[in-house]
Amino acid sequence: MSVPDRLTGLVGALRAHGVRVGTGETVDAAQVVSVLGLADRVRLREGLAAALLHHQGQRAVFDPVFDLYFPLGVGVREGTGRAPDEEFDTAALRERLAAALAADDRAMLDRLAGEAVDRLGGYGNSPGSDGWSSYQTLSRLRPETLLARVRASVRQGAGEAGGAEFTDRLVDDEIRRRIEAFRERVRTEARRRVAERRGTELIARRAVRPTADRVDFLVAGRDQLTELRRTVQPLARKLATRLAARRRRAARGRIDLRRTLRGSLSTGGVPVRPVLRKRRPGRPELVLLCDVSGSVAGFANFTMLLVQAVHEQFSKVRVFAFVNTVDEVTGLLRRGSADPEGLGERILAQAAVTGWHERSDYGAALGEFAERYADALGPRTTVFVLGDARTNMRDPNLPALRHITDKARQVHWLNPEQRSLWPTGDSAAEAYAALATMHECRNARQLGALIGRLLPV
């Protein structure tokens, strides 16, 4: 593969993962390659990242894609190959790995990652098989179990050098960072070898984890949810700007036909200057009704933080949380804006959202909301219901939702499950969708687009 093909392939893979790379960035990347060359991969990686990326969160996609199109080597690298009929000593490899981790010898760690994949990660006997698995390699090697051994070596080296010893926590954190970096080396090596057999473009599209804003809320891990919380403020600024622009356009009003025709008499009957009826639209009110149980909680918490960040665009924002009973958490959300990571724990600990069990009950929650908090609804109120609409085989209480839709200006239901699952199991999504507009909202990218489109002006 030529260098231009590698560069265009890299750009195409980034675009497939949602990274906006235009023609200008691509030209800049080509100039980076021509200036830096291919000899120093570290400099080339940083140069291309500076030319192609817009924020640090995109590095999680860029780095593995870069390693596929500009790999450290091709085929089985020297010194890591498998000799015929040779018995492999895993214990000896673990000893060498512990020594390399203690010394933070990155060149040696690269070689050991290649050797580990070659000796422990292979599967399948046919020439056309995929051949390599990072999961299998790491399961057999178990580098995370070397922490104590590496810690002892680091302490011994610090003592012999006469330097000050780190505290146990600092030492352990540094060792865990090195082990995780080695695990990523193994993943990179396995992806590279599979890509050589199945095609770089296919592996770059399927085997690279998406950015946090494209991960489904229901399967996002703790690290991905933490990354999402860091994107709340930038996304909120974009939404606030968009809402303010929509409000300015709405304030202009419709054309006043009578005054426009009167004014056109001075231009021969041609309405050169249309006269608009000036409007004074009031700021709408917003109500969030959020299921905070189980895996849906991550979706609800992120949405609450996002709406709280744009609360100035509304005359009033009230937030209610429920599992099977409803409680208002507007105050908790405002006080917890400085610590978004602990929002879910605070709501479950301080709000009365559970009653006789800990499973969500949409029917009971909707009924209680319609009865206790009817004052939150009015002709200027837009209601957002957040949840997967799975009732745990209980009564969905459709009359309560109908009562809410009758009193509110509009009701939108944001469902984090994919649409094909709505008719399955204990989901009442299709029944609720007959009363309130239901939207599939599986990740932060979809959520931002929906919020910007659905929020009233």
Protein backbone atom coordinates (compact mmCIF):
# COMPACT_ATOMS: atom_id res chain seq x y z
CA MET A 1 0.00 0.00 0.00
CA SER A 2 1.45 3.35 -1.04
CA VAL A 3 1.71 6.31 1.32
CA PRO A 4 -1.13 8.26 -0.40
CA ASP A 5 -3.33 5.16 -0.15
CA ARG A 6 -2.52 4.82 3.54
CA LEU A 7 -3.34 8.47 4.18
CA THR A 8 -6.64 8.41 2.27
CA GLY A 9 -7.52 5.13 3.98
CA LEU A 10 -6.83 6.71 7.37
CA VAL A 11 -9.05 9.69 6.52
CA GLY A 12 -11.84 7.42 5.26
CA ALA A 13 -11.76 5.29 8.42
CA LEU A 14 -11.92 8.38 10.63
CA ARG A 15 -14.92 9.66 8.68
CA ALA A 16 -16.62 6.26 9.06
CA HIS A 17 -16.27 6.66 12.83
CA GLY A 18 -17.88 10.10 12.81
CA VAL A 19 -14.75 12.27 12.86
CA ARG A 20 -15.29 15.25 10.57
CA VAL A 21 -12.29 15.45 8.26
CA GLY A 22 -12.59 17.85 5.36
CA THR A 23 -10.52 18.44 2.26
CA GLY A 24 -8.46 21.13 3.99
CA GLU A 25 -7.50 18.82 6.87
CA THR A 26 -6.60 16.07 4.38
CA VAL A 27 -4.29 18.43 2.46
CA ASP A 28 -2.69 19.52 5.74
CA ALA A 29 -2.15 15.84 6.66
CA ALA A 30 -0.43 15.21 3.33
CA GLN A 31 1.91 18.13 4.00
CA VAL A 32 2.63 16.71 7.48
CA VAL A 33 3.66 13.39 5.93
CA SER A 34 5.88 15.11 3.35
CA VAL A 35 7.62 17.20 6.03
CA LEU A 36 8.00 14.62 8.80
CA GLY A 37 8.46 11.50 6.70
CA LEU A 38 7.87 7.96 7.94
CA ALA A 39 11.03 7.33 9.96
CA ASP A 40 9.71 8.60 13.31
CA ARG A 41 6.24 7.12 13.96
CA VAL A 42 5.77 9.08 17.19
CA ARG A 43 6.28 12.44 15.47
CA LEU A 44 4.17 11.34 12.49
CA ARG A 45 1.35 10.21 14.77
CA GLU A 46 1.26 13.53 16.65
CA GLY A 47 1.55 15.56 13.46
CA LEU A 48 -1.35 13.77 11.77
CA ALA A 49 -3.44 14.03 14.96
CA ALA A 50 -2.84 17.78 15.04
CA ALA A 51 -3.88 18.10 11.40
CA LEU A 52 -6.95 15.85 11.42
CA LEU A 53 -8.54 15.96 14.87
CA HIS A 54 -10.68 18.64 16.51
CA HIS A 55 -10.58 17.60 20.18
CA GLN A 56 -8.76 15.21 22.48
CA GLY A 57 -11.67 12.78 22.77
CA GLN A 58 -11.14 11.70 19.15
CA ARG A 59 -7.72 10.21 20.00
CA ALA A 60 -9.45 7.03 21.19
CA VAL A 61 -10.43 6.39 17.56
CA PHE A 62 -7.43 7.96 15.83
CA ASP A 63 -4.67 5.98 17.59
CA PRO A 64 -5.84 2.44 16.70
CA VAL A 65 -6.71 3.50 13.15
CA PHE A 66 -3.29 5.10 12.74
CA ASP A 67 -1.66 1.88 13.95
CA LEU A 68 -3.51 -0.04 11.23
CA TYR A 69 -2.56 2.23 8.34
CA PHE A 70 0.95 3.09 9.59
CA PRO A 71 1.91 -0.10 11.46
CA LEU A 72 5.07 -0.66 13.44
CA GLY A 73 5.90 -3.61 11.22
CA VAL A 74 4.52 -6.00 8.63
CA GLY A 75 4.05 -9.74 9.08
CA VAL A 76 5.81 -11.53 11.90
CA ARG A 77 8.44 -9.14 13.25
CA GLU A 78 12.01 -10.35 13.75
CA GLY A 79 12.57 -12.12 17.04
CA THR A 80 8.88 -12.86 17.66
CA GLY A 81 8.27 -15.71 15.22
CA ARG A 82 7.21 -19.21 16.15
CA ALA A 83 9.74 -21.99 15.57
CA PRO A 84 8.37 -25.31 14.31
CA ASP A 85 7.57 -27.83 17.06
CA GLU A 86 8.98 -25.51 19.71
CA GLU A 87 7.44 -25.68 23.17
CA PHE A 88 6.70 -22.23 24.49
CA ASP A 89 7.46 -21.30 28.08
CA THR A 90 4.74 -18.86 29.19
CA ALA A 91 6.32 -18.46 32.62
CA ALA A 92 9.59 -17.27 31.03
CA LEU A 93 7.68 -14.73 28.94
CA ARG A 94 5.96 -13.44 32.08
CA GLU A 95 9.37 -13.02 33.76
CA ARG A 96 10.67 -10.98 30.84
CA LEU A 97 7.45 -8.97 30.79
CA ALA A 98 7.77 -8.17 34.50
CA ALA A 99 11.36 -6.98 33.98
CA ALA A 100 10.34 -4.81 30.99
CA LEU A 101 7.44 -3.29 32.94
CA ALA A 102 9.69 -2.50 35.90
CA ALA A 103 12.23 -0.80 33.60
CA ASP A 104 9.49 0.79 31.44
CA ASP A 105 11.43 -0.46 28.40
CA ARG A 106 8.98 0.42 25.65
CA ALA A 107 10.96 -1.12 22.81
CA MET A 108 11.12 -4.42 24.70
CA LEU A 109 7.39 -4.20 25.52
CA ASP A 110 6.66 -3.82 21.79
CA ARG A 111 8.68 -6.97 21.04
CA LEU A 112 7.05 -8.89 23.88
CA ALA A 113 3.58 -7.90 22.66
CA GLY A 114 4.41 -9.30 19.22
CA GLU A 115 5.83 -12.47 20.71
CA ALA A 116 2.85 -12.94 23.01
CA VAL A 117 0.35 -12.60 20.15
CA ASP A 118 2.36 -14.97 17.99
CA ARG A 119 2.78 -17.66 20.66
CA LEU A 120 -0.44 -17.33 22.66
CA GLY A 121 -2.98 -15.61 20.43
CA GLY A 122 -3.11 -17.83 17.37
CA TYR A 123 -6.18 -19.91 16.55
CA GLY A 124 -7.39 -21.83 13.52
CA ASN A 125 -5.30 -24.05 11.29
CA SER A 126 -6.55 -23.01 7.86
CA PRO A 127 -4.51 -20.43 5.90
CA GLY A 128 -7.61 -18.24 5.52
CA SER A 129 -8.51 -18.09 9.20
CA ASP A 130 -8.37 -14.79 11.05
CA GLY A 131 -5.58 -16.28 13.13
CA TRP A 132 -5.00 -13.89 16.07
CA SER A 133 -6.88 -12.90 19.21
CA SER A 134 -5.83 -10.26 21.73
CA TYR A 135 -8.42 -11.58 24.21
CA GLN A 136 -6.94 -15.07 24.05
CA THR A 137 -3.43 -13.68 24.37
CA LEU A 138 -4.18 -11.59 27.45
CA SER A 139 -6.23 -14.35 29.07
CA ARG A 140 -3.28 -16.72 28.85
CA LEU A 141 -0.59 -14.19 29.74
CA ARG A 142 -2.52 -12.41 32.56
CA PRO A 143 -0.25 -9.31 32.80
CA GLU A 144 -2.47 -7.73 35.49
CA THR A 145 -1.27 -10.40 37.95
CA LEU A 146 2.32 -9.10 37.72
CA LEU A 147 1.61 -6.02 39.84
CA ALA A 148 3.26 -7.24 43.05
CA ARG A 149 6.32 -8.58 41.22
CA VAL A 150 6.84 -5.36 39.27
CA ARG A 151 6.30 -3.27 42.40
CA ALA A 152 9.08 -5.17 44.20
CA SER A 153 11.45 -4.64 41.26
CA VAL A 154 10.66 -0.90 41.09
CA ARG A 155 11.28 -0.48 44.82
CA GLN A 156 14.54 -2.41 44.63
CA GLY A 157 15.74 -0.30 41.71
CA ALA A 158 14.84 2.93 43.52
CA GLY A 159 16.70 1.78 46.63
CA GLU A 160 19.82 0.80 44.76
CA ALA A 161 19.85 4.15 42.95
CA GLY A 162 19.58 5.99 46.24
CA GLY A 163 16.45 7.86 45.17
CA ALA A 164 13.38 8.54 47.26
CA GLU A 165 10.78 5.80 47.17
CA PHE A 166 7.29 6.54 45.95
CA THR A 167 4.31 5.81 48.11
CA ASP A 168 2.56 2.51 47.49
CA ARG A 169 -0.37 4.19 45.78
CA LEU A 170 1.79 6.15 43.34
CA VAL A 171 3.84 3.07 42.52
CA ASP A 172 0.76 0.93 41.95
CA ASP A 173 -0.91 3.59 39.77
CA GLU A 174 2.18 3.87 37.60
CA ILE A 175 2.47 0.09 37.24
CA ARG A 176 -1.21 -0.23 36.32
CA ARG A 177 -0.68 2.45 33.66
CA ARG A 178 2.24 0.48 32.19
CA ILE A 179 0.27 -2.77 32.24
CA GLU A 180 -2.69 -1.17 30.49
CA ALA A 181 -0.31 0.31 27.89
CA PHE A 182 1.08 -3.19 27.29
CA ARG A 183 -2.45 -4.59 26.95
CA GLU A 184 -3.12 -1.95 24.30
CA ARG A 185 0.09 -2.98 22.51
CA VAL A 186 -1.24 -6.54 22.37
CA ARG A 187 -4.58 -5.36 20.98
CA THR A 188 -2.80 -3.27 18.36
CA GLU A 189 -0.58 -6.18 17.31
CA ALA A 190 -3.53 -8.57 17.01
CA ARG A 191 -5.54 -6.04 14.97
CA ARG A 192 -2.57 -5.47 12.68
CA ARG A 193 -2.14 -9.16 11.94
CA VAL A 194 -5.86 -9.73 11.35
CA ALA A 195 -5.94 -6.67 9.07
CA GLU A 196 -3.16 -8.14 6.93
CA ARG A 197 -5.38 -11.15 6.28
CA ARG A 198 -8.85 -9.64 6.08
CA GLY A 199 -8.10 -6.12 4.85
CA THR A 200 -7.19 -2.95 6.69
CA GLU A 201 -10.36 -1.09 5.73
CA LEU A 202 -12.65 -3.80 7.12
CA ILE A 203 -10.81 -4.05 10.45
CA ALA A 204 -10.54 -0.27 10.81
CA ARG A 205 -14.31 -0.05 10.45
CA ARG A 206 -15.31 -3.02 12.66
CA ALA A 207 -12.57 -3.61 15.21
CA VAL A 208 -11.99 -0.05 16.46
CA ARG A 209 -14.14 1.13 19.34
CA PRO A 210 -16.28 4.18 18.48
CA THR A 211 -16.01 7.50 20.26
CA ALA A 212 -17.97 7.86 23.49
CA ASP A 213 -20.71 9.95 21.86
CA ARG A 214 -21.50 7.06 19.47
CA VAL A 215 -21.66 4.30 22.11
CA ASP A 216 -25.12 3.11 23.07
CA PHE A 217 -26.14 4.35 26.52
CA LEU A 218 -27.34 0.88 27.51
CA VAL A 219 -23.93 -0.76 26.91
CA ALA A 220 -21.60 2.11 27.82
CA GLY A 221 -19.05 1.30 30.51
CA ARG A 222 -17.99 3.48 33.42
CA ASP A 223 -15.07 5.03 31.50
CA GLN A 224 -17.28 5.85 28.52
CA LEU A 225 -19.93 7.44 30.72
CA THR A 226 -17.22 9.51 32.41
CA GLU A 227 -16.02 10.66 29.00
CA LEU A 228 -19.60 11.53 28.06
CA ARG A 229 -19.98 13.72 31.15
CA ARG A 230 -16.96 15.71 30.03
CA THR A 231 -18.74 16.47 26.75
CA VAL A 232 -21.82 17.96 28.44
CA GLN A 233 -20.61 21.56 28.54
CA PRO A 234 -19.34 21.77 24.91
CA LEU A 235 -22.54 20.14 23.66
CA ALA A 236 -24.64 22.45 25.84
CA ARG A 237 -22.93 25.53 24.38
CA LYS A 238 -23.78 24.38 20.86
CA LEU A 239 -27.38 23.71 21.81
CA ALA A 240 -27.74 27.06 23.58
CA THR A 241 -26.42 28.90 20.52
CA ARG A 242 -28.78 26.99 18.25
CA LEU A 243 -31.80 27.64 20.49
CA ALA A 244 -30.98 31.34 20.78
CA ALA A 245 -30.76 31.63 16.99
CA ARG A 246 -34.11 29.86 16.58
CA ARG A 247 -35.68 32.19 19.15
CA ARG A 248 -34.38 35.25 17.29
CA ARG A 249 -35.86 33.98 14.03
CA ALA A 250 -39.18 33.20 15.70
CA ALA A 251 -39.33 36.70 17.20
CA ARG A 252 -39.46 38.26 13.74
CA GLY A 253 -42.97 36.93 13.21
CA ARG A 254 -44.96 36.44 10.00
CA ILE A 255 -45.49 38.92 7.19
CA ASP A 256 -48.10 41.63 7.84
CA LEU A 257 -49.82 41.51 4.45
CA ARG A 258 -51.83 44.73 4.83
CA ARG A 259 -48.85 46.89 5.86
CA THR A 260 -46.62 45.24 3.26
CA LEU A 261 -49.05 46.05 0.43
CA ARG A 262 -49.46 49.61 1.67
CA GLY A 263 -45.70 50.07 1.68
CA SER A 264 -45.41 48.62 -1.83
CA LEU A 265 -47.35 51.58 -3.30
CA SER A 266 -44.16 53.64 -3.21
CA THR A 267 -42.32 50.99 -5.30
CA GLY A 268 -44.94 50.49 -8.00
CA GLY A 269 -46.77 47.71 -6.22
CA VAL A 270 -43.65 45.57 -5.76
CA PRO A 271 -43.28 44.48 -2.09
CA VAL A 272 -39.57 45.23 -1.85
CA ARG A 273 -39.60 45.62 1.94
CA PRO A 274 -41.88 43.03 3.61
CA VAL A 275 -43.26 44.18 6.95
CA LEU A 276 -43.27 41.56 9.70
CA ARG A 277 -45.59 41.27 12.67
CA LYS A 278 -43.39 41.55 15.71
CA ARG A 279 -43.79 38.74 18.21
CA ARG A 280 -42.83 38.52 21.82
CA PRO A 281 -42.57 34.78 22.37
CA GLY A 282 -42.35 33.81 26.03
CA ARG A 283 -39.76 31.34 27.15
CA PRO A 284 -41.25 27.85 27.38
CA GLU A 285 -41.27 25.60 30.41
CA LEU A 286 -39.58 22.20 30.42
CA VAL A 287 -40.29 19.09 32.50
CA LEU A 288 -38.10 15.98 32.57
CA LEU A 289 -39.54 12.70 33.87
CA CYS A 290 -36.61 10.28 34.14
CA ASP A 291 -36.32 6.56 34.85
CA VAL A 292 -33.14 6.23 36.95
CA SER A 293 -33.15 2.44 37.37
CA GLY A 294 -30.52 0.01 36.13
CA SER A 295 -28.73 0.59 32.85
CA VAL A 296 -31.17 3.35 31.86
CA ALA A 297 -29.73 5.52 34.65
CA GLY A 298 -26.64 6.50 32.61
CA PHE A 299 -28.85 7.80 29.79
CA ALA A 300 -31.11 9.68 32.21
CA ASN A 301 -28.23 11.24 34.17
CA PHE A 302 -26.47 12.48 31.04
CA THR A 303 -29.70 13.99 29.68
CA MET A 304 -30.44 15.71 33.01
CA LEU A 305 -26.97 17.26 33.05
CA LEU A 306 -27.35 18.41 29.44
CA VAL A 307 -30.71 20.06 30.05
CA GLN A 308 -29.49 21.67 33.27
CA ALA A 309 -26.60 23.19 31.30
CA VAL A 310 -29.05 24.95 28.93
CA HIS A 311 -31.63 25.85 31.59
CA GLU A 312 -31.22 29.59 30.91
CA GLN A 313 -33.06 29.11 27.62
CA PHE A 314 -36.27 28.31 29.53
CA SER A 315 -38.42 30.19 31.99
CA LYS A 316 -38.63 27.11 34.22
CA VAL A 317 -37.05 23.64 34.28
CA ARG A 318 -38.32 20.96 36.64
CA VAL A 319 -36.79 17.48 36.83
CA PHE A 320 -38.48 14.40 38.30
CA ALA A 321 -36.91 10.99 38.82
CA PHE A 322 -38.53 7.64 39.42
CA VAL A 323 -38.01 3.93 39.70
CA ASN A 324 -41.48 3.05 40.90
CA THR A 325 -42.28 6.24 42.84
CA VAL A 326 -41.72 9.83 41.70
CA ASP A 327 -39.77 12.58 43.43
CA GLU A 328 -38.62 16.01 42.26
CA VAL A 329 -34.82 16.26 41.99
CA THR A 330 -34.47 19.75 40.50
CA GLY A 331 -32.63 20.97 43.60
CA LEU A 332 -30.29 17.96 43.64
CA LEU A 333 -29.40 18.56 40.02
CA ARG A 334 -28.46 22.20 40.58
CA ARG A 335 -26.41 21.46 43.70
CA GLY A 336 -24.73 18.52 42.00
CA SER A 337 -23.64 20.32 38.84
CA ALA A 338 -20.08 20.57 40.16
CA ASP A 339 -19.91 16.78 40.65
CA PRO A 340 -21.75 15.21 37.70
CA GLU A 341 -20.23 11.76 38.21
CA GLY A 342 -22.01 11.25 41.52
CA LEU A 343 -25.41 12.55 40.37
CA GLY A 344 -27.00 9.12 40.02
CA GLU A 345 -25.83 7.98 43.45
CA ARG A 346 -27.13 11.18 45.07
CA ILE A 347 -30.55 10.81 43.46
CA LEU A 348 -30.91 7.20 44.61
CA ALA A 349 -29.68 8.07 48.12
CA GLN A 350 -31.54 11.33 48.74
CA ALA A 351 -34.70 11.16 46.60
CA ALA A 352 -37.71 8.92 47.25
CA VAL A 353 -37.67 7.07 43.92
CA THR A 354 -38.20 3.49 45.14
CA GLY A 355 -41.06 2.05 47.12
CA TRP A 356 -41.76 -1.61 47.70
CA HIS A 357 -39.13 -2.94 45.26
CA GLU A 358 -36.27 -1.66 43.09
CA ARG A 359 -37.62 -2.43 39.61
CA SER A 360 -39.08 0.26 37.38
CA ASP A 361 -42.86 0.58 37.27
CA TYR A 362 -43.89 3.07 34.61
CA GLY A 363 -47.59 2.76 35.27
CA ALA A 364 -47.29 3.62 38.96
CA ALA A 365 -44.79 6.43 38.27
CA LEU A 366 -46.92 8.05 35.56
CA GLY A 367 -50.02 7.82 37.75
CA GLU A 368 -48.27 9.37 40.74
CA PHE A 369 -46.79 12.17 38.61
CA ALA A 370 -50.18 13.01 37.07
CA GLU A 371 -51.75 13.13 40.54
CA ARG A 372 -49.08 14.81 42.69
CA TYR A 373 -47.36 17.14 40.23
CA ALA A 374 -50.18 18.33 37.99
CA ASP A 375 -49.07 21.90 38.72
CA ALA A 376 -45.92 21.26 36.64
CA LEU A 377 -48.03 20.92 33.48
CA GLY A 378 -49.55 23.72 31.45
CA PRO A 379 -50.06 25.08 27.92
CA ARG A 380 -46.42 26.27 27.77
CA THR A 381 -44.92 23.04 29.11
CA THR A 382 -42.94 20.54 27.08
CA VAL A 383 -42.48 17.18 28.77
CA PHE A 384 -39.62 14.78 28.04
CA VAL A 385 -40.03 11.23 29.36
CA LEU A 386 -36.73 9.34 29.51
CA GLY A 387 -36.77 5.55 29.71
CA ASP A 388 -36.98 2.23 27.90
CA ALA A 389 -40.73 1.78 28.62
CA ARG A 390 -40.20 -1.73 30.04
CA THR A 391 -42.90 -2.20 32.65
CA ASN A 392 -41.72 -5.49 34.24
CA MET A 393 -45.10 -6.99 33.23
CA ARG A 394 -47.06 -4.38 35.22
CA ASP A 395 -49.95 -2.17 34.15
CA PRO A 396 -48.59 0.58 31.82
CA ASN A 397 -51.35 2.98 33.03
CA LEU A 398 -52.10 4.55 29.65
CA PRO A 399 -54.79 6.88 31.07
CA ALA A 400 -52.14 8.62 33.19
CA LEU A 401 -49.98 9.33 30.12
CA ARG A 402 -53.07 10.51 28.24
CA HIS A 403 -53.82 12.93 31.08
CA ILE A 404 -50.24 14.29 30.88
CA THR A 405 -50.42 14.76 27.11
CA ASP A 406 -53.79 16.55 27.43
CA LYS A 407 -52.44 19.10 29.92
CA ALA A 408 -49.00 19.74 28.42
CA ARG A 409 -48.15 21.60 25.24
CA GLN A 410 -46.28 18.57 23.88
CA VAL A 411 -44.84 15.30 25.19
CA HIS A 412 -41.79 13.55 23.76
CA TRP A 413 -40.55 10.14 24.90
CA LEU A 414 -36.82 9.44 24.43
CA ASN A 415 -36.17 5.69 24.35
CA PRO A 416 -32.54 4.44 24.55
CA GLU A 417 -33.46 1.04 23.07
CA GLN A 418 -33.28 0.42 19.36
CA ARG A 419 -36.62 0.59 17.60
CA SER A 420 -36.66 -3.10 16.64
CA LEU A 421 -36.83 -4.07 20.34
CA TRP A 422 -39.86 -1.92 21.19
CA PRO A 423 -42.44 -4.67 20.45
CA THR A 424 -40.54 -7.34 22.43
CA GLY A 425 -40.81 -8.72 25.95
CA ASP A 426 -42.33 -6.49 28.62
CA SER A 427 -41.92 -3.27 26.62
CA ALA A 428 -44.97 -1.00 26.41
CA ALA A 429 -43.19 1.32 23.97
CA GLU A 430 -45.66 0.88 21.13
CA ALA A 431 -48.64 1.51 23.42
CA TYR A 432 -47.01 4.65 24.84
CA ALA A 433 -46.00 5.77 21.33
CA ALA A 434 -49.69 5.94 20.38
CA LEU A 435 -50.13 8.72 22.97
CA ALA A 436 -46.74 10.51 23.01
CA THR A 437 -44.21 10.98 20.24
CA MET A 438 -41.49 8.38 20.88
CA HIS A 439 -37.95 8.79 19.55
CA GLU A 440 -35.10 6.30 19.40
CA CYS A 441 -32.21 7.92 21.30
CA ARG A 442 -29.39 5.41 21.74
CA ASN A 443 -26.27 7.59 22.07
CA ALA A 444 -25.13 11.12 22.83
CA ARG A 445 -24.89 12.07 19.17
CA GLN A 446 -28.56 11.21 18.60
CA LEU A 447 -29.52 12.88 21.87
CA GLY A 448 -27.84 16.17 20.94
CA ALA A 449 -29.57 16.22 17.56
CA LEU A 450 -32.95 15.40 19.09
CA ILE A 451 -32.69 17.94 21.90
CA GLY A 452 -31.71 20.67 19.44
CA ARG A 453 -34.61 19.79 17.15
CA LEU A 454 -37.35 19.11 19.69
CA LEU A 455 -36.81 21.77 22.35
CA PRO A 456 -39.39 24.53 21.90
CA VAL A 457 -38.60 28.21 21.29
